PDB file of N, CA and C in Angstrom:
ATOM      1  N   UNK A   1     -69.057  44.038 -35.715  1.00  0.00           N
ATOM      2  CA  UNK A   1     -69.958  45.070 -36.119  1.00  0.00           C
ATOM      3  C   UNK A   1     -70.186  44.830 -37.616  1.00  0.00           C
ATOM      4  N   UNK A   2     -71.422  44.517 -38.006  1.00  0.00           N
ATOM      5  CA  UNK A   2     -71.713  44.165 -39.392  1.00  0.00           C
ATOM      6  C   UNK A   2     -72.458  45.281 -40.095  1.00  0.00           C
ATOM      7  N   UNK A   3     -72.070  45.542 -41.320  1.00  0.00           N
ATOM      8  CA  UNK A   3     -72.710  46.529 -42.179  1.00  0.00           C
ATOM      9  C   UNK A   3     -73.359  45.768 -43.327  1.00  0.00           C
ATOM     10  N   UNK A   4     -74.695  45.764 -43.355  1.00  0.00           N
ATOM     11  CA  UNK A   4     -75.439  44.956 -44.324  1.00  0.00           C
ATOM     12  C   UNK A   4     -75.077  45.300 -45.765  1.00  0.00           C
ATOM     13  N   UNK A   5     -74.831  46.547 -46.058  1.00  0.00           N
ATOM     14  CA  UNK A   5     -74.475  46.970 -47.414  1.00  0.00           C
ATOM     15  C   UNK A   5     -73.024  47.444 -47.459  1.00  0.00           C
ATOM     16  N   UNK A   6     -72.203  46.851 -46.633  1.00  0.00           N
ATOM     17  CA  UNK A   6     -70.828  47.286 -46.481  1.00  0.00           C
ATOM     18  C   UNK A   6     -69.993  47.234 -47.739  1.00  0.00           C
ATOM     19  N   UNK A   7     -70.320  46.340 -48.664  1.00  0.00           N
ATOM     20  CA  UNK A   7     -69.556  46.259 -49.908  1.00  0.00           C
ATOM     21  C   UNK A   7     -69.723  47.517 -50.745  1.00  0.00           C
ATOM     22  N   UNK A   8     -70.764  48.289 -50.486  1.00  0.00           N
ATOM     23  CA  UNK A   8     -71.025  49.520 -51.223  1.00  0.00           C
ATOM     24  C   UNK A   8     -70.450  50.749 -50.534  1.00  0.00           C
ATOM     25  N   UNK A   9     -69.824  50.568 -49.385  1.00  0.00           N
ATOM     26  CA  UNK A   9     -69.310  51.704 -48.618  1.00  0.00           C
ATOM     27  C   UNK A   9     -67.842  51.975 -48.934  1.00  0.00           C
ATOM     28  N   UNK A  10     -67.484  53.250 -49.029  1.00  0.00           N
ATOM     29  CA  UNK A  10     -66.059  53.559 -49.133  1.00  0.00           C
ATOM     30  C   UNK A  10     -65.394  53.273 -47.789  1.00  0.00           C
ATOM     31  N   UNK A  11     -64.209  52.722 -47.815  1.00  0.00           N
ATOM     32  CA  UNK A  11     -63.496  52.388 -46.574  1.00  0.00           C
ATOM     33  C   UNK A  11     -62.015  52.709 -46.739  1.00  0.00           C
ATOM     34  N   UNK A  12     -61.688  54.001 -46.905  1.00  0.00           N
ATOM     35  CA  UNK A  12     -60.291  54.361 -47.144  1.00  0.00           C
ATOM     36  C   UNK A  12     -59.359  54.027 -45.979  1.00  0.00           C
ATOM     37  N   UNK A  13     -59.890  53.939 -44.761  1.00  0.00           N
ATOM     38  CA  UNK A  13     -59.059  53.607 -43.600  1.00  0.00           C
ATOM     39  C   UNK A  13     -58.880  52.101 -43.431  1.00  0.00           C
ATOM     40  N   UNK A  14     -59.605  51.300 -44.215  1.00  0.00           N
ATOM     41  CA  UNK A  14     -59.474  49.849 -44.133  1.00  0.00           C
ATOM     42  C   UNK A  14     -60.013  49.248 -42.847  1.00  0.00           C
ATOM     43  N   UNK A  15     -61.069  49.831 -42.317  1.00  0.00           N
ATOM     44  CA  UNK A  15     -61.652  49.319 -41.077  1.00  0.00           C
ATOM     45  C   UNK A  15     -62.388  47.997 -41.278  1.00  0.00           C
ATOM     46  N   UNK A  16     -63.031  47.841 -42.426  1.00  0.00           N
ATOM     47  CA  UNK A  16     -63.799  46.620 -42.684  1.00  0.00           C
ATOM     48  C   UNK A  16     -62.806  45.479 -42.892  1.00  0.00           C
ATOM     49  N   UNK A  17     -62.803  44.518 -41.986  1.00  0.00           N
ATOM     50  CA  UNK A  17     -61.793  43.463 -42.012  1.00  0.00           C
ATOM     51  C   UNK A  17     -62.366  42.054 -41.965  1.00  0.00           C
ATOM     52  N   UNK A  18     -63.674  41.934 -42.154  1.00  0.00           N
ATOM     53  CA  UNK A  18     -64.308  40.619 -42.072  1.00  0.00           C
ATOM     54  C   UNK A  18     -65.441  40.541 -43.083  1.00  0.00           C
ATOM     55  N   UNK A  19     -65.824  39.332 -43.461  1.00  0.00           N
ATOM     56  CA  UNK A  19     -66.878  39.087 -44.452  1.00  0.00           C
ATOM     57  C   UNK A  19     -66.497  39.695 -45.800  1.00  0.00           C
ATOM     58  N   UNK A  20     -65.225  39.740 -46.084  1.00  0.00           N
ATOM     59  CA  UNK A  20     -64.751  40.376 -47.304  1.00  0.00           C
ATOM     60  C   UNK A  20     -65.071  39.587 -48.565  1.00  0.00           C
ATOM     61  N   UNK A  21     -65.395  38.311 -48.413  1.00  0.00           N
ATOM     62  CA  UNK A  21     -65.685  37.481 -49.576  1.00  0.00           C
ATOM     63  C   UNK A  21     -67.145  37.590 -50.030  1.00  0.00           C
ATOM     64  N   UNK A  22     -67.978  38.249 -49.267  1.00  0.00           N
ATOM     65  CA  UNK A  22     -69.397  38.369 -49.605  1.00  0.00           C
ATOM     66  C   UNK A  22     -69.661  39.433 -50.657  1.00  0.00           C
ATOM     67  N   UNK A  23     -70.869  39.400 -51.213  1.00  0.00           N
ATOM     68  CA  UNK A  23     -71.262  40.353 -52.244  1.00  0.00           C
ATOM     69  C   UNK A  23     -71.855  41.629 -51.677  1.00  0.00           C
ATOM     70  N   UNK A  24     -72.340  41.608 -50.454  1.00  0.00           N
ATOM     71  CA  UNK A  24     -73.041  42.770 -49.922  1.00  0.00           C
ATOM     72  C   UNK A  24     -72.505  43.217 -48.567  1.00  0.00           C
ATOM     73  N   UNK A  25     -72.453  42.328 -47.616  1.00  0.00           N
ATOM     74  CA  UNK A  25     -72.119  42.763 -46.254  1.00  0.00           C
ATOM     75  C   UNK A  25     -70.617  42.739 -46.020  1.00  0.00           C
ATOM     76  N   UNK A  26     -70.214  43.600 -45.104  1.00  0.00           N
ATOM     77  CA  UNK A  26     -68.841  43.650 -44.614  1.00  0.00           C
ATOM     78  C   UNK A  26     -68.926  43.865 -43.113  1.00  0.00           C
ATOM     79  N   UNK A  27     -67.884  43.535 -42.404  1.00  0.00           N
ATOM     80  CA  UNK A  27     -67.915  43.655 -40.945  1.00  0.00           C
ATOM     81  C   UNK A  27     -66.573  44.132 -40.427  1.00  0.00           C
ATOM     82  N   UNK A  28     -66.602  44.554 -39.169  1.00  0.00           N
ATOM     83  CA  UNK A  28     -65.386  44.906 -38.448  1.00  0.00           C
ATOM     84  C   UNK A  28     -65.324  43.989 -37.236  1.00  0.00           C
ATOM     85  N   UNK A  29     -64.311  43.156 -37.203  1.00  0.00           N
ATOM     86  CA  UNK A  29     -64.071  42.334 -36.016  1.00  0.00           C
ATOM     87  C   UNK A  29     -63.188  43.142 -35.083  1.00  0.00           C
ATOM     88  N   UNK A  30     -63.632  43.335 -33.853  1.00  0.00           N
ATOM     89  CA  UNK A  30     -62.884  44.100 -32.865  1.00  0.00           C
ATOM     90  C   UNK A  30     -62.507  43.148 -31.732  1.00  0.00           C
ATOM     91  N   UNK A  31     -61.230  43.140 -31.424  1.00  0.00           N
ATOM     92  CA  UNK A  31     -60.734  42.276 -30.360  1.00  0.00           C
ATOM     93  C   UNK A  31     -60.220  43.130 -29.196  1.00  0.00           C
ATOM     94  N   UNK A  32     -60.182  42.537 -28.041  1.00  0.00           N
ATOM     95  CA  UNK A  32     -59.675  43.238 -26.869  1.00  0.00           C
ATOM     96  C   UNK A  32     -58.300  43.837 -27.164  1.00  0.00           C
ATOM     97  N   UNK A  33     -58.109  45.053 -26.751  1.00  0.00           N
ATOM     98  CA  UNK A  33     -56.873  45.820 -26.916  1.00  0.00           C
ATOM     99  C   UNK A  33     -56.662  46.345 -28.339  1.00  0.00           C
ATOM    100  N   UNK A  34     -57.614  46.122 -29.252  1.00  0.00           N
ATOM    101  CA  UNK A  34     -57.504  46.707 -30.589  1.00  0.00           C
ATOM    102  C   UNK A  34     -57.619  48.222 -30.490  1.00  0.00           C
ATOM    103  N   UNK A  35     -56.845  48.912 -31.268  1.00  0.00           N
ATOM    104  CA  UNK A  35     -56.945  50.358 -31.374  1.00  0.00           C
ATOM    105  C   UNK A  35     -57.811  50.662 -32.594  1.00  0.00           C
ATOM    106  N   UNK A  36     -58.853  51.457 -32.406  1.00  0.00           N
ATOM    107  CA  UNK A  36     -59.770  51.786 -33.496  1.00  0.00           C
ATOM    108  C   UNK A  36     -59.648  53.261 -33.812  1.00  0.00           C
ATOM    109  N   UNK A  37     -59.557  53.569 -35.086  1.00  0.00           N
ATOM    110  CA  UNK A  37     -59.545  54.961 -35.539  1.00  0.00           C
ATOM    111  C   UNK A  37     -60.970  55.486 -35.395  1.00  0.00           C
ATOM    112  N   UNK A  38     -61.218  56.203 -34.308  1.00  0.00           N
ATOM    113  CA  UNK A  38     -62.581  56.641 -33.987  1.00  0.00           C
ATOM    114  C   UNK A  38     -63.177  57.537 -35.060  1.00  0.00           C
ATOM    115  N   UNK A  39     -62.389  58.441 -35.608  1.00  0.00           N
ATOM    116  CA  UNK A  39     -62.910  59.338 -36.647  1.00  0.00           C
ATOM    117  C   UNK A  39     -63.264  58.553 -37.911  1.00  0.00           C
ATOM    118  N   UNK A  40     -62.427  57.592 -38.300  1.00  0.00           N
ATOM    119  CA  UNK A  40     -62.712  56.766 -39.473  1.00  0.00           C
ATOM    120  C   UNK A  40     -63.977  55.932 -39.251  1.00  0.00           C
ATOM    121  N   UNK A  41     -64.153  55.415 -38.041  1.00  0.00           N
ATOM    122  CA  UNK A  41     -65.353  54.648 -37.725  1.00  0.00           C
ATOM    123  C   UNK A  41     -66.584  55.542 -37.786  1.00  0.00           C
ATOM    124  N   UNK A  42     -66.477  56.743 -37.258  1.00  0.00           N
ATOM    125  CA  UNK A  42     -67.579  57.705 -37.301  1.00  0.00           C
ATOM    126  C   UNK A  42     -67.977  58.002 -38.752  1.00  0.00           C
ATOM    127  N   UNK A  43     -66.985  58.222 -39.619  1.00  0.00           N
ATOM    128  CA  UNK A  43     -67.249  58.494 -41.034  1.00  0.00           C
ATOM    129  C   UNK A  43     -67.915  57.282 -41.700  1.00  0.00           C
ATOM    130  N   UNK A  44     -67.427  56.084 -41.385  1.00  0.00           N
ATOM    131  CA  UNK A  44     -67.993  54.865 -41.961  1.00  0.00           C
ATOM    132  C   UNK A  44     -69.446  54.673 -41.532  1.00  0.00           C
ATOM    133  N   UNK A  45     -69.731  54.898 -40.266  1.00  0.00           N
ATOM    134  CA  UNK A  45     -71.110  54.744 -39.771  1.00  0.00           C
ATOM    135  C   UNK A  45     -72.027  55.771 -40.431  1.00  0.00           C
ATOM    136  N   UNK A  46     -71.555  57.004 -40.566  1.00  0.00           N
ATOM    137  CA  UNK A  46     -72.375  58.031 -41.231  1.00  0.00           C
ATOM    138  C   UNK A  46     -72.633  57.672 -42.684  1.00  0.00           C
ATOM    139  N   UNK A  47     -71.644  57.121 -43.368  1.00  0.00           N
ATOM    140  CA  UNK A  47     -71.836  56.695 -44.754  1.00  0.00           C
ATOM    141  C   UNK A  47     -72.846  55.552 -44.828  1.00  0.00           C
ATOM    142  N   UNK A  48     -72.796  54.631 -43.859  1.00  0.00           N
ATOM    143  CA  UNK A  48     -73.749  53.517 -43.829  1.00  0.00           C
ATOM    144  C   UNK A  48     -75.166  54.028 -43.592  1.00  0.00           C
ATOM    145  N   UNK A  49     -75.326  54.979 -42.695  1.00  0.00           N
ATOM    146  CA  UNK A  49     -76.638  55.559 -42.431  1.00  0.00           C
ATOM    147  C   UNK A  49     -77.164  56.245 -43.689  1.00  0.00           C
ATOM    148  N   UNK A  50     -76.318  57.010 -44.344  1.00  0.00           N
ATOM    149  CA  UNK A  50     -76.730  57.703 -45.568  1.00  0.00           C
ATOM    150  C   UNK A  50     -77.143  56.707 -46.644  1.00  0.00           C
ATOM    151  N   UNK A  51     -76.388  55.629 -46.798  1.00  0.00           N
ATOM    152  CA  UNK A  51     -76.716  54.602 -47.785  1.00  0.00           C
ATOM    153  C   UNK A  51     -78.045  53.938 -47.459  1.00  0.00           C
ATOM    154  N   UNK A  52     -78.257  53.623 -46.198  1.00  0.00           N
ATOM    155  CA  UNK A  52     -79.475  52.916 -45.796  1.00  0.00           C
ATOM    156  C   UNK A  52     -80.714  53.802 -45.779  1.00  0.00           C
ATOM    157  N   UNK A  53     -80.539  55.108 -45.743  1.00  0.00           N
ATOM    158  CA  UNK A  53     -81.693  56.006 -45.736  1.00  0.00           C
ATOM    159  C   UNK A  53     -81.859  56.724 -47.069  1.00  0.00           C
ATOM    160  N   UNK A  54     -81.091  56.318 -48.075  1.00  0.00           N
ATOM    161  CA  UNK A  54     -81.184  56.940 -49.395  1.00  0.00           C
ATOM    162  C   UNK A  54     -82.520  56.603 -50.037  1.00  0.00           C
ATOM    163  N   UNK A  55     -82.838  57.260 -51.115  1.00  0.00           N
ATOM    164  CA  UNK A  55     -84.141  57.114 -51.775  1.00  0.00           C
ATOM    165  C   UNK A  55     -84.434  55.689 -52.229  1.00  0.00           C
ATOM    166  N   UNK A  56     -83.407  54.866 -52.383  1.00  0.00           N
ATOM    167  CA  UNK A  56     -83.625  53.485 -52.804  1.00  0.00           C
ATOM    168  C   UNK A  56     -84.059  52.563 -51.687  1.00  0.00           C
ATOM    169  N   UNK A  57     -84.017  53.046 -50.442  1.00  0.00           N
ATOM    170  CA  UNK A  57     -84.394  52.208 -49.305  1.00  0.00           C
ATOM    171  C   UNK A  57     -85.900  52.092 -49.193  1.00  0.00           C
ATOM    172  N   UNK A  58     -86.358  50.934 -48.792  1.00  0.00           N
ATOM    173  CA  UNK A  58     -87.792  50.715 -48.604  1.00  0.00           C
ATOM    174  C   UNK A  58     -88.199  51.191 -47.210  1.00  0.00           C
ATOM    175  N   UNK A  59     -89.379  51.807 -47.080  1.00  0.00           N
ATOM    176  CA  UNK A  59     -89.849  52.214 -45.746  1.00  0.00           C
ATOM    177  C   UNK A  59     -90.161  50.987 -44.908  1.00  0.00           C
ATOM    178  N   UNK A  60     -90.060  51.123 -43.601  1.00  0.00           N
ATOM    179  CA  UNK A  60     -90.373  49.997 -42.719  1.00  0.00           C
ATOM    180  C   UNK A  60     -91.848  49.651 -42.822  1.00  0.00           C
ATOM    181  N   UNK A  61     -92.194  48.405 -42.511  1.00  0.00           N
ATOM    182  CA  UNK A  61     -93.583  47.966 -42.630  1.00  0.00           C
ATOM    183  C   UNK A  61     -94.501  48.656 -41.648  1.00  0.00           C
ATOM    184  N   UNK A  62     -93.957  49.256 -40.584  1.00  0.00           N
ATOM    185  CA  UNK A  62     -94.778  49.941 -39.584  1.00  0.00           C
ATOM    186  C   UNK A  62     -94.969  51.420 -39.871  1.00  0.00           C
ATOM    187  N   UNK A  63     -94.508  51.884 -41.036  1.00  0.00           N
ATOM    188  CA  UNK A  63     -94.598  53.306 -41.357  1.00  0.00           C
ATOM    189  C   UNK A  63     -96.044  53.716 -41.608  1.00  0.00           C
ATOM    190  N   UNK A  64     -96.406  54.876 -41.113  1.00  0.00           N
ATOM    191  CA  UNK A  64     -97.770  55.406 -41.349  1.00  0.00           C
ATOM    192  C   UNK A  64     -97.864  55.922 -42.771  1.00  0.00           C
ATOM    193  N   UNK A  65     -99.004  55.747 -43.380  1.00  0.00           N
ATOM    194  CA  UNK A  65     -99.200  56.192 -44.768  1.00  0.00           C
ATOM    195  C   UNK A  65     -99.757  57.590 -44.814  1.00  0.00           C
TER     196      UNK A  65
END
């Protein structure tokens, strides 16, 4: 699961465990039988949505004017 702006996201639960050497993106590698902190993942996804929909985001090219 890749987060394009993951380097800018708070991750107090340490869910982001891949692509750590990059400047922008971070990812979560999930393997069979892994236990995932569902609440922490929910918080991380909400933070990613908020970051991607913030005022600095560009509107999609298909947006009506």
